[in-house]
Each structure stands twice: as C-alpha cells, then as structure tokens.
C-alpha cells in the first residue's frame, strides 16, 4: 500500500529539478521583462498615437510617431538588459 510514497532518490531528483528550473527562471527574468517592454511600448505608444490622431484629425502622423517612439524605447530597453554584465 506504499505505492503513493515517494522514494528518497526520486524526492532528491525532484528537488534538484525544481532548483534548476528556479535558477533558469531567475536568469531569464530580465530578458522576459525586456521583451514585454518591447511589445508593450510599441502597442501602447502606437495606440496612443492612433487615438491622438483621431482626436486632432492628423492621421496618420501621430500614430507613426508613436510606433517609431515605441520601437526606439523597446529596443533601448532590450539592449540595456542584454548588454548588462
């Protein structure tokens, strides 16, 4: 009836696996954050430009400026994280 009991080597393996996964996630965190910043800045500033275009009737100039600014900010953040030592 001890089929549900975890053997000692199996428990040690699971602990090591969890610790390795935790290290990988901690190392990848800044890069994941930078990629979200890239996507978020492009979408956010592009949408802001789009709505300002509709409000000021300047289509498509503010949307294009918002997209370009979003790309610059996103790539800046990606480079800042990638080049950090």
Protein backbone atom coordinates (compact mmCIF):
# COMPACT_ATOMS: atom_id res chain seq x y z
CA UNK A 1 0.00 0.00 0.00
CA UNK A 2 3.02 2.31 -0.04
CA UNK A 3 2.70 2.88 -3.79
CA UNK A 4 1.98 6.55 -3.12
CA UNK A 5 5.12 7.05 -1.07
CA UNK A 6 7.95 8.81 -2.89
CA UNK A 7 11.32 7.10 -2.67
CA UNK A 8 14.31 9.08 -1.38
CA UNK A 9 16.23 9.18 -4.73
CA UNK A 10 13.06 10.28 -6.53
CA UNK A 11 12.48 13.06 -3.99
CA UNK A 12 16.09 14.22 -4.33
CA UNK A 13 15.77 14.26 -8.14
CA UNK A 14 12.60 16.33 -7.97
CA UNK A 15 14.23 18.79 -5.59
CA UNK A 16 17.25 19.19 -7.88
CA UNK A 17 14.98 19.59 -10.89
CA UNK A 18 12.95 22.29 -9.15
CA UNK A 19 16.11 24.15 -8.08
CA UNK A 20 17.50 24.06 -11.63
CA UNK A 21 14.20 25.32 -13.04
CA UNK A 22 14.16 28.11 -10.45
CA UNK A 23 17.69 29.22 -11.44
CA UNK A 24 16.76 29.29 -15.13
CA UNK A 25 13.65 31.36 -14.46
CA UNK A 26 15.60 33.82 -12.31
CA UNK A 27 18.24 34.23 -15.03
CA UNK A 28 15.64 34.65 -17.78
CA UNK A 29 13.51 37.15 -15.86
CA UNK A 30 15.20 40.36 -17.04
CA UNK A 31 15.14 39.20 -20.67
CA UNK A 32 11.46 38.30 -20.48
CA UNK A 33 10.76 41.69 -18.94
CA UNK A 34 12.65 43.46 -21.74
CA UNK A 35 10.70 41.56 -24.39
CA UNK A 36 7.41 42.55 -22.74
CA UNK A 37 8.67 46.14 -22.64
CA UNK A 38 9.39 45.99 -26.38
CA UNK A 39 5.91 44.71 -27.22
CA UNK A 40 4.17 46.96 -24.71
CA UNK A 41 5.89 50.14 -25.78
CA UNK A 42 5.12 49.54 -29.45
CA UNK A 43 1.47 48.70 -28.81
CA UNK A 44 0.94 51.35 -26.14
CA UNK A 45 2.52 54.26 -27.94
CA UNK A 46 1.06 53.18 -31.27
CA UNK A 47 -2.44 53.14 -29.78
CA UNK A 48 -1.84 56.45 -28.06
CA UNK A 49 -0.77 57.97 -31.37
CA UNK A 50 -3.78 56.46 -33.13
CA UNK A 51 -6.25 57.94 -30.64
CA UNK A 52 -4.50 61.32 -30.68
CA UNK A 53 -4.69 61.23 -34.48
CA UNK A 54 -8.43 60.71 -34.30
CA UNK A 55 -8.80 63.49 -31.75
CA UNK A 56 -6.64 66.07 -33.57
CA UNK A 57 -7.53 64.79 -37.10
CA UNK A 58 -3.85 64.45 -38.06
CA UNK A 59 -3.97 60.89 -39.37
CA UNK A 60 -1.54 59.03 -39.68
CA UNK A 61 1.31 61.17 -38.35
CA UNK A 62 0.92 60.77 -34.59
CA UNK A 63 0.34 57.02 -34.92
CA UNK A 64 3.53 56.68 -36.97
CA UNK A 65 5.47 58.79 -34.46
CA UNK A 66 4.05 56.71 -31.60
CA UNK A 67 5.05 53.46 -33.29
CA UNK A 68 8.57 54.73 -34.03
CA UNK A 69 8.99 56.01 -30.48
CA UNK A 70 7.73 52.66 -29.16
CA UNK A 71 10.27 50.77 -31.29
CA UNK A 72 13.10 53.01 -30.11
CA UNK A 73 12.15 52.69 -26.44
CA UNK A 74 11.64 48.92 -26.72
CA UNK A 75 14.95 48.31 -28.46
CA UNK A 76 16.72 50.61 -25.99
CA UNK A 77 15.38 48.55 -23.08
CA UNK A 78 16.25 45.28 -24.82
CA UNK A 79 19.81 46.47 -25.49
CA UNK A 80 20.18 47.81 -21.93
CA UNK A 81 19.27 44.43 -20.44
CA UNK A 82 21.23 42.38 -22.97
CA UNK A 83 24.44 44.37 -22.61
CA UNK A 84 24.37 44.45 -18.81
CA UNK A 85 27.06 42.29 -17.23
